[in-house]
Amino acid sequence: MTQVGAFFNNTAITLPILSWFLAQLIKFINHFLQHRKIDFRKFVASGGMPSSHSAISVCLAAVMAIKNGFASSEFAISTILSFIVMADATGVRRAAGKQAEVLNKLVYHSREIRVDKELKVLLGHTPIQVIAGAALGILVAILFA
């Protein structure tokens, strides 16, 4: 088998990428249904429901559990990384998004402060968005691994 073939047959790579794509597709479809306009940036944007970061990291952990067992080092490492990703999404990135929202309001009401464009507010996730992303990742692993 060629190196390229081996890459595409590696479910530890392809399934997490699939779960990320599905999470982004859900965001794209939700945006279209809510606003009746197509926004392809939703395929790469952060924030929103479900968390694609959670989906990709938890899918990897689930694939490692299925392929190597719950006692494997691969599962342990990917699970710890998933917890870090999810904690970051609901903690630091969410707090940064809330701070951006406050700063945008301050700039809007100030005559002295000017910026080129508003700060990005949708950086992090609510716990529900993270749980939904994790559930999507597990579902993809179970269905396709």
N, C-alpha and C. Protein backbone atom coordinates (compact mmCIF):
# COMPACT_ATOMS: atom_id res chain seq x y z
N MET A 1 0.84 -1.18 0.00
CA MET A 1 0.00 0.00 0.00
C MET A 1 0.88 1.25 0.00
N THR A 2 0.53 2.23 -0.76
CA THR A 2 1.30 3.47 -0.82
C THR A 2 1.13 4.26 0.47
N GLN A 3 2.00 5.23 0.65
CA GLN A 3 1.92 6.09 1.83
C GLN A 3 0.61 6.88 1.84
N VAL A 4 0.19 7.35 0.67
CA VAL A 4 -1.06 8.10 0.57
C VAL A 4 -2.24 7.19 0.90
N GLY A 5 -2.21 5.98 0.38
CA GLY A 5 -3.27 5.01 0.68
C GLY A 5 -3.32 4.69 2.16
N ALA A 6 -2.16 4.54 2.79
CA ALA A 6 -2.10 4.26 4.22
C ALA A 6 -2.69 5.42 5.02
N PHE A 7 -2.39 6.62 4.59
CA PHE A 7 -2.93 7.82 5.25
C PHE A 7 -4.46 7.80 5.22
N PHE A 8 -5.05 7.57 4.05
CA PHE A 8 -6.50 7.61 3.91
C PHE A 8 -7.20 6.39 4.50
N ASN A 9 -6.46 5.31 4.75
CA ASN A 9 -7.03 4.14 5.41
C ASN A 9 -6.88 4.19 6.93
N ASN A 10 -6.20 5.20 7.44
CA ASN A 10 -5.97 5.34 8.87
C ASN A 10 -7.19 6.01 9.51
N THR A 11 -8.02 5.22 10.17
CA THR A 11 -9.24 5.75 10.77
C THR A 11 -8.97 6.74 11.91
N ALA A 12 -7.77 6.68 12.48
CA ALA A 12 -7.41 7.64 13.52
C ALA A 12 -7.22 9.04 12.94
N ILE A 13 -7.08 9.13 11.63
CA ILE A 13 -6.99 10.42 10.94
C ILE A 13 -8.32 10.76 10.27
N THR A 14 -8.84 9.81 9.50
CA THR A 14 -10.01 10.12 8.66
C THR A 14 -11.29 10.33 9.47
N LEU A 15 -11.52 9.55 10.50
CA LEU A 15 -12.77 9.70 11.25
C LEU A 15 -12.83 10.99 12.07
N PRO A 16 -11.75 11.38 12.77
CA PRO A 16 -11.81 12.69 13.43
C PRO A 16 -12.02 13.84 12.43
N ILE A 17 -11.38 13.75 11.26
CA ILE A 17 -11.59 14.80 10.25
C ILE A 17 -13.05 14.78 9.78
N LEU A 18 -13.62 13.60 9.62
CA LEU A 18 -15.02 13.50 9.24
C LEU A 18 -15.91 14.12 10.31
N SER A 19 -15.62 13.86 11.58
CA SER A 19 -16.45 14.43 12.65
C SER A 19 -16.32 15.95 12.69
N TRP A 20 -15.11 16.47 12.44
CA TRP A 20 -14.93 17.93 12.35
C TRP A 20 -15.77 18.49 11.20
N PHE A 21 -15.69 17.83 10.03
CA PHE A 21 -16.44 18.30 8.87
C PHE A 21 -17.94 18.29 9.15
N LEU A 22 -18.44 17.23 9.77
CA LEU A 22 -19.87 17.15 10.08
C LEU A 22 -20.30 18.25 11.05
N ALA A 23 -19.46 18.53 12.05
CA ALA A 23 -19.78 19.61 13.00
C ALA A 23 -19.86 20.95 12.26
N GLN A 24 -18.90 21.20 11.38
CA GLN A 24 -18.90 22.45 10.62
C GLN A 24 -20.10 22.49 9.65
N LEU A 25 -20.45 21.36 9.08
CA LEU A 25 -21.60 21.29 8.17
C LEU A 25 -22.88 21.61 8.93
N ILE A 26 -23.01 21.10 10.14
CA ILE A 26 -24.18 21.40 10.97
C ILE A 26 -24.26 22.90 11.24
N LYS A 27 -23.12 23.53 11.55
CA LYS A 27 -23.11 24.98 11.77
C LYS A 27 -23.53 25.73 10.50
N PHE A 28 -23.02 25.27 9.37
CA PHE A 28 -23.35 25.88 8.07
C PHE A 28 -24.85 25.79 7.81
N ILE A 29 -25.42 24.61 8.01
CA ILE A 29 -26.85 24.40 7.76
C ILE A 29 -27.68 25.21 8.75
N ASN A 30 -27.31 25.22 10.03
CA ASN A 30 -28.03 26.02 11.02
C ASN A 30 -28.04 27.50 10.65
N HIS A 31 -26.90 28.00 10.22
CA HIS A 31 -26.81 29.40 9.83
C HIS A 31 -27.71 29.68 8.63
N PHE A 32 -27.70 28.77 7.67
CA PHE A 32 -28.55 28.94 6.49
C PHE A 32 -30.03 28.94 6.89
N LEU A 33 -30.43 28.02 7.75
CA LEU A 33 -31.83 27.94 8.16
C LEU A 33 -32.26 29.16 8.97
N GLN A 34 -31.37 29.71 9.77
CA GLN A 34 -31.70 30.87 10.59
C GLN A 34 -31.71 32.17 9.80
N HIS A 35 -30.75 32.32 8.87
CA HIS A 35 -30.56 33.61 8.20
C HIS A 35 -30.93 33.59 6.72
N ARG A 36 -31.22 32.42 6.19
CA ARG A 36 -31.57 32.26 4.77
C ARG A 36 -30.50 32.81 3.83
N LYS A 37 -29.25 32.69 4.24
CA LYS A 37 -28.15 33.04 3.34
C LYS A 37 -26.98 32.10 3.57
N ILE A 38 -26.28 31.85 2.49
CA ILE A 38 -25.15 30.93 2.51
C ILE A 38 -23.90 31.68 2.97
N ASP A 39 -23.22 31.10 3.95
CA ASP A 39 -21.98 31.68 4.46
C ASP A 39 -20.95 30.55 4.58
N PHE A 40 -20.10 30.43 3.57
CA PHE A 40 -19.11 29.35 3.55
C PHE A 40 -18.06 29.51 4.64
N ARG A 41 -17.96 30.68 5.26
CA ARG A 41 -17.02 30.87 6.37
C ARG A 41 -17.37 29.99 7.56
N LYS A 42 -18.63 29.55 7.64
CA LYS A 42 -19.06 28.68 8.75
C LYS A 42 -18.32 27.34 8.72
N PHE A 43 -17.74 26.99 7.56
CA PHE A 43 -16.98 25.74 7.48
C PHE A 43 -15.63 25.84 8.20
N VAL A 44 -15.17 27.03 8.47
CA VAL A 44 -13.88 27.18 9.16
C VAL A 44 -13.97 28.05 10.41
N ALA A 45 -15.15 28.59 10.70
CA ALA A 45 -15.31 29.48 11.85
C ALA A 45 -15.29 28.71 13.16
N SER A 46 -14.80 29.37 14.20
CA SER A 46 -14.84 28.76 15.53
C SER A 46 -16.11 29.21 16.25
N GLY A 47 -16.42 28.52 17.34
CA GLY A 47 -17.63 28.83 18.09
C GLY A 47 -18.85 28.19 17.47
N GLY A 48 -19.94 28.20 18.21
CA GLY A 48 -21.20 27.68 17.70
C GLY A 48 -21.46 26.24 18.07
N MET A 49 -22.62 25.77 17.61
CA MET A 49 -23.12 24.43 17.94
C MET A 49 -23.03 23.51 16.75
N PRO A 50 -22.46 22.35 16.89
CA PRO A 50 -21.69 21.79 18.00
C PRO A 50 -20.21 22.19 17.89
N SER A 51 -19.47 21.95 18.94
CA SER A 51 -18.04 22.26 18.94
C SER A 51 -17.29 21.26 18.05
N SER A 52 -16.69 21.79 16.99
CA SER A 52 -15.92 20.91 16.11
C SER A 52 -14.60 20.50 16.76
N HIS A 53 -14.07 21.35 17.64
CA HIS A 53 -12.85 20.99 18.36
C HIS A 53 -13.11 19.78 19.26
N SER A 54 -14.25 19.80 19.94
CA SER A 54 -14.62 18.66 20.78
C SER A 54 -14.86 17.42 19.93
N ALA A 55 -15.55 17.60 18.81
CA ALA A 55 -15.86 16.46 17.94
C ALA A 55 -14.59 15.78 17.46
N ILE A 56 -13.63 16.55 16.98
CA ILE A 56 -12.41 15.96 16.41
C ILE A 56 -11.56 15.28 17.49
N SER A 57 -11.44 15.92 18.65
CA SER A 57 -10.58 15.34 19.69
C SER A 57 -11.23 14.13 20.35
N VAL A 58 -12.53 14.20 20.62
CA VAL A 58 -13.21 13.06 21.25
C VAL A 58 -13.34 11.90 20.27
N CYS A 59 -13.54 12.19 19.00
CA CYS A 59 -13.59 11.12 17.99
C CYS A 59 -12.26 10.36 17.97
N LEU A 60 -11.15 11.08 18.03
CA LEU A 60 -9.85 10.42 18.06
C LEU A 60 -9.74 9.51 19.28
N ALA A 61 -10.16 10.00 20.44
CA ALA A 61 -10.10 9.18 21.66
C ALA A 61 -10.98 7.94 21.52
N ALA A 62 -12.16 8.12 20.95
CA ALA A 62 -13.08 6.98 20.78
C ALA A 62 -12.51 5.96 19.78
N VAL A 63 -11.90 6.43 18.71
CA VAL A 63 -11.27 5.52 17.75
C VAL A 63 -10.14 4.74 18.43
N MET A 64 -9.36 5.44 19.26
CA MET A 64 -8.27 4.77 19.97
C MET A 64 -8.82 3.72 20.93
N ALA A 65 -9.95 4.01 21.59
CA ALA A 65 -10.56 3.03 22.49
C ALA A 65 -11.02 1.80 21.71
N ILE A 66 -11.65 2.03 20.55
CA ILE A 66 -12.17 0.93 19.74
C ILE A 66 -11.03 0.09 19.17
N LYS A 67 -10.00 0.74 18.65
CA LYS A 67 -8.90 0.03 17.98
C LYS A 67 -7.90 -0.58 18.96
N ASN A 68 -7.61 0.14 20.06
CA ASN A 68 -6.52 -0.28 20.93
C ASN A 68 -6.94 -0.65 22.35
N GLY A 69 -8.20 -0.40 22.69
CA GLY A 69 -8.70 -0.73 24.02
C GLY A 69 -8.59 0.44 25.00
N PHE A 70 -9.42 0.36 26.03
CA PHE A 70 -9.46 1.43 27.04
C PHE A 70 -8.20 1.47 27.91
N ALA A 71 -7.42 0.42 27.93
CA ALA A 71 -6.21 0.39 28.73
C ALA A 71 -4.97 0.84 27.96
N SER A 72 -5.15 1.20 26.69
CA SER A 72 -3.99 1.55 25.86
C SER A 72 -3.48 2.96 26.14
N SER A 73 -2.20 3.15 25.88
CA SER A 73 -1.59 4.48 26.02
C SER A 73 -2.17 5.45 25.00
N GLU A 74 -2.47 4.95 23.81
CA GLU A 74 -3.04 5.81 22.76
C GLU A 74 -4.38 6.40 23.21
N PHE A 75 -5.22 5.56 23.83
CA PHE A 75 -6.50 6.05 24.33
C PHE A 75 -6.28 7.05 25.46
N ALA A 76 -5.36 6.75 26.36
CA ALA A 76 -5.10 7.65 27.49
C ALA A 76 -4.63 9.02 27.01
N ILE A 77 -3.68 9.03 26.10
CA ILE A 77 -3.14 10.30 25.60
C ILE A 77 -4.23 11.11 24.88
N SER A 78 -4.98 10.46 24.01
CA SER A 78 -6.01 11.18 23.25
C SER A 78 -7.14 11.65 24.16
N THR A 79 -7.44 10.91 25.21
CA THR A 79 -8.48 11.33 26.16
C THR A 79 -8.04 12.56 26.94
N ILE A 80 -6.81 12.56 27.42
CA ILE A 80 -6.29 13.72 28.15
C ILE A 80 -6.28 14.95 27.24
N LEU A 81 -5.86 14.78 25.99
CA LEU A 81 -5.89 15.90 25.03
C LEU A 81 -7.31 16.39 24.81
N SER A 82 -8.27 15.50 24.75
CA SER A 82 -9.67 15.88 24.59
C SER A 82 -10.15 16.73 25.76
N PHE A 83 -9.79 16.33 26.98
CA PHE A 83 -10.17 17.12 28.15
C PHE A 83 -9.56 18.51 28.10
N ILE A 84 -8.32 18.61 27.66
CA ILE A 84 -7.67 19.91 27.55
C ILE A 84 -8.39 20.77 26.52
N VAL A 85 -8.70 20.20 25.37
CA VAL A 85 -9.40 20.92 24.30
C VAL A 85 -10.76 21.42 24.79
N MET A 86 -11.52 20.54 25.45
CA MET A 86 -12.86 20.92 25.90
C MET A 86 -12.82 21.94 27.03
N ALA A 87 -11.86 21.81 27.94
CA ALA A 87 -11.72 22.79 29.02
C ALA A 87 -11.33 24.15 28.45
N ASP A 88 -10.45 24.15 27.46
CA ASP A 88 -10.05 25.40 26.83
C ASP A 88 -11.23 26.06 26.11
N ALA A 89 -12.04 25.26 25.44
CA ALA A 89 -13.18 25.80 24.68
C ALA A 89 -14.20 26.45 25.59
N THR A 90 -14.46 25.84 26.75
CA THR A 90 -15.47 26.39 27.66
C THR A 90 -14.88 27.38 28.66
N GLY A 91 -13.58 27.38 28.80
CA GLY A 91 -12.95 28.26 29.77
C GLY A 91 -12.30 29.47 29.14
N VAL A 92 -11.05 29.33 28.76
CA VAL A 92 -10.24 30.45 28.27
C VAL A 92 -10.85 31.08 27.02
N ARG A 93 -11.18 30.26 26.03
CA ARG A 93 -11.70 30.82 24.77
C ARG A 93 -13.06 31.47 24.97
N ARG A 94 -13.91 30.88 25.81
CA ARG A 94 -15.22 31.48 26.08
C ARG A 94 -15.05 32.81 26.82
N ALA A 95 -14.16 32.86 27.79
CA ALA A 95 -13.90 34.10 28.53
C ALA A 95 -13.35 35.17 27.59
N ALA A 96 -12.46 34.79 26.69
CA ALA A 96 -11.91 35.75 25.72
C ALA A 96 -13.02 36.31 24.83
N GLY A 97 -13.97 35.46 24.45
CA GLY A 97 -15.10 35.92 23.64
C GLY A 97 -15.97 36.91 24.39
N LYS A 98 -16.21 36.65 25.68
CA LYS A 98 -17.00 37.58 26.50
C LYS A 98 -16.26 38.91 26.67
N GLN A 99 -14.95 38.85 26.85
CA GLN A 99 -14.16 40.08 26.96
C GLN A 99 -14.21 40.86 25.66
N ALA A 100 -14.15 40.17 24.53
CA ALA A 100 -14.23 40.84 23.23
C ALA A 100 -15.57 41.55 23.08
N GLU A 101 -16.62 40.93 23.56
CA GLU A 101 -17.95 41.55 23.49
C GLU A 101 -17.99 42.86 24.28
N VAL A 102 -17.42 42.85 25.48
CA VAL A 102 -17.38 44.05 26.31
C VAL A 102 -16.50 45.12 25.66
N LEU A 103 -15.35 44.72 25.16
CA LEU A 103 -14.45 45.68 24.51
C LEU A 103 -15.10 46.30 23.26
N ASN A 104 -15.82 45.50 22.50
CA ASN A 104 -16.52 46.03 21.32
C ASN A 104 -17.53 47.11 21.74
N LYS A 105 -18.24 46.88 22.84
CA LYS A 105 -19.21 47.88 23.33
C LYS A 105 -18.50 49.15 23.77
N LEU A 106 -17.37 49.00 24.46
CA LEU A 106 -16.60 50.17 24.89
C LEU A 106 -16.11 50.98 23.69
N VAL A 107 -15.59 50.30 22.70
CA VAL A 107 -15.09 50.98 21.50
C VAL A 107 -16.24 51.68 20.77
N TYR A 108 -17.37 51.02 20.69
CA TYR A 108 -18.53 51.58 19.98
C TYR A 108 -18.99 52.88 20.64
N HIS A 109 -18.94 52.95 21.97
CA HIS A 109 -19.42 54.12 22.69
C HIS A 109 -18.33 55.15 22.98
N SER A 110 -17.13 54.91 22.54
CA SER A 110 -16.02 55.83 22.79
C SER A 110 -15.73 56.68 21.56
N ARG A 111 -15.41 57.92 21.80
CA ARG A 111 -15.00 58.80 20.70
C ARG A 111 -13.49 58.78 20.51
N GLU A 112 -12.77 58.37 21.54
CA GLU A 112 -11.30 58.38 21.47
C GLU A 112 -10.72 57.10 20.89
N ILE A 113 -11.40 55.99 21.09
CA ILE A 113 -10.87 54.69 20.67
C ILE A 113 -11.45 54.33 19.32
N ARG A 114 -10.59 53.98 18.39
CA ARG A 114 -11.01 53.53 17.06
C ARG A 114 -10.25 52.26 16.70
N VAL A 115 -10.95 51.32 16.11
CA VAL A 115 -10.32 50.08 15.63
C VAL A 115 -10.77 49.82 14.21
N ASP A 116 -9.99 49.02 13.48
CA ASP A 116 -10.32 48.71 12.09
C ASP A 116 -11.60 47.89 11.97
N LYS A 117 -11.74 46.90 12.85
CA LYS A 117 -12.95 46.08 12.85
C LYS A 117 -13.17 45.56 14.26
N GLU A 118 -14.40 45.10 14.52
CA GLU A 118 -14.74 44.56 15.84
C GLU A 118 -13.94 43.30 16.15
N LEU A 119 -13.72 43.09 17.43
CA LEU A 119 -13.08 41.85 17.88
C LEU A 119 -14.05 40.69 17.72
N LYS A 120 -13.51 39.52 17.45
CA LYS A 120 -14.33 38.33 17.26
C LYS A 120 -14.87 37.87 18.61
N VAL A 121 -16.19 37.70 18.68
CA VAL A 121 -16.86 37.33 19.92
C VAL A 121 -17.04 35.82 20.04
N LEU A 122 -17.36 35.14 18.96
CA LEU A 122 -17.60 33.70 19.01
C LEU A 122 -16.29 32.92 18.97
N LEU A 123 -15.62 32.86 20.09
CA LEU A 123 -14.35 32.14 20.17
C LEU A 123 -14.52 30.79 20.87
N GLY A 124 -15.28 30.79 21.94
CA GLY A 124 -15.42 29.58 22.74
C GLY A 124 -16.80 28.97 22.61
N HIS A 125 -17.09 28.07 23.54
CA HIS A 125 -18.33 27.31 23.50
C HIS A 125 -18.99 27.25 24.86
N THR A 126 -20.30 27.06 24.84
CA THR A 126 -21.02 26.74 26.06
C THR A 126 -20.80 25.26 26.36
N PRO A 127 -21.03 24.85 27.59
CA PRO A 127 -20.87 23.43 27.90
C PRO A 127 -21.75 22.53 27.02
N ILE A 128 -22.95 22.97 26.69
CA ILE A 128 -23.85 22.17 25.84
C ILE A 128 -23.24 21.98 24.45
N GLN A 129 -22.64 23.03 23.89
CA GLN A 129 -22.01 22.94 22.57
C GLN A 129 -20.84 21.96 22.59
N VAL A 130 -20.09 21.96 23.68
CA VAL A 130 -18.95 21.04 23.84
C VAL A 130 -19.45 19.60 23.98
N ILE A 131 -20.49 19.39 24.77
CA ILE A 131 -21.05 18.05 24.95
C ILE A 131 -21.61 17.53 23.62
N ALA A 132 -22.28 18.41 22.86
CA ALA A 132 -22.82 18.00 21.56
C ALA A 132 -21.70 17.61 20.60
N GLY A 133 -20.61 18.36 20.60
CA GLY A 133 -19.46 18.03 19.76
C GLY A 133 -18.85 16.70 20.17
N ALA A 134 -18.72 16.48 21.48
CA ALA A 134 -18.17 15.22 21.98
C ALA A 134 -19.07 14.05 21.58
N ALA A 135 -20.37 14.23 21.70
CA ALA A 135 -21.32 13.17 21.32
C ALA A 135 -21.21 12.86 19.83
N LEU A 136 -21.07 13.90 19.01
CA LEU A 136 -20.90 13.70 17.57
C LEU A 136 -19.63 12.90 17.29
N GLY A 137 -18.54 13.24 17.96
CA GLY A 137 -17.28 12.51 17.78
C GLY A 137 -17.39 11.05 18.15
N ILE A 138 -18.05 10.76 19.26
CA ILE A 138 -18.25 9.38 19.68
C ILE A 138 -19.12 8.63 18.68
N LEU A 139 -20.18 9.28 18.23
CA LEU A 139 -21.10 8.65 17.26
C LEU A 139 -20.39 8.29 15.96
N VAL A 140 -19.57 9.22 15.44
CA VAL A 140 -18.82 8.94 14.21
C VAL A 140 -17.88 7.76 14.42
N ALA A 141 -17.19 7.72 15.55
CA ALA A 141 -16.26 6.61 15.83
C ALA A 141 -17.01 5.28 15.91
N ILE A 142 -18.12 5.26 16.60
CA ILE A 142 -18.88 4.02 16.76
C ILE A 142 -19.43 3.54 15.43
N LEU A 143 -19.93 4.47 14.62
CA LEU A 143 -20.56 4.09 13.36
C LEU A 143 -19.55 3.63 12.30
N PHE A 144 -18.35 4.20 12.30
CA PHE A 144 -17.43 3.97 11.19
C PHE A 144 -16.12 3.28 11.53
N ALA A 145 -15.79 3.15 12.82
CA ALA A 145 -14.50 2.52 13.18
C ALA A 145 -14.57 1.01 13.09
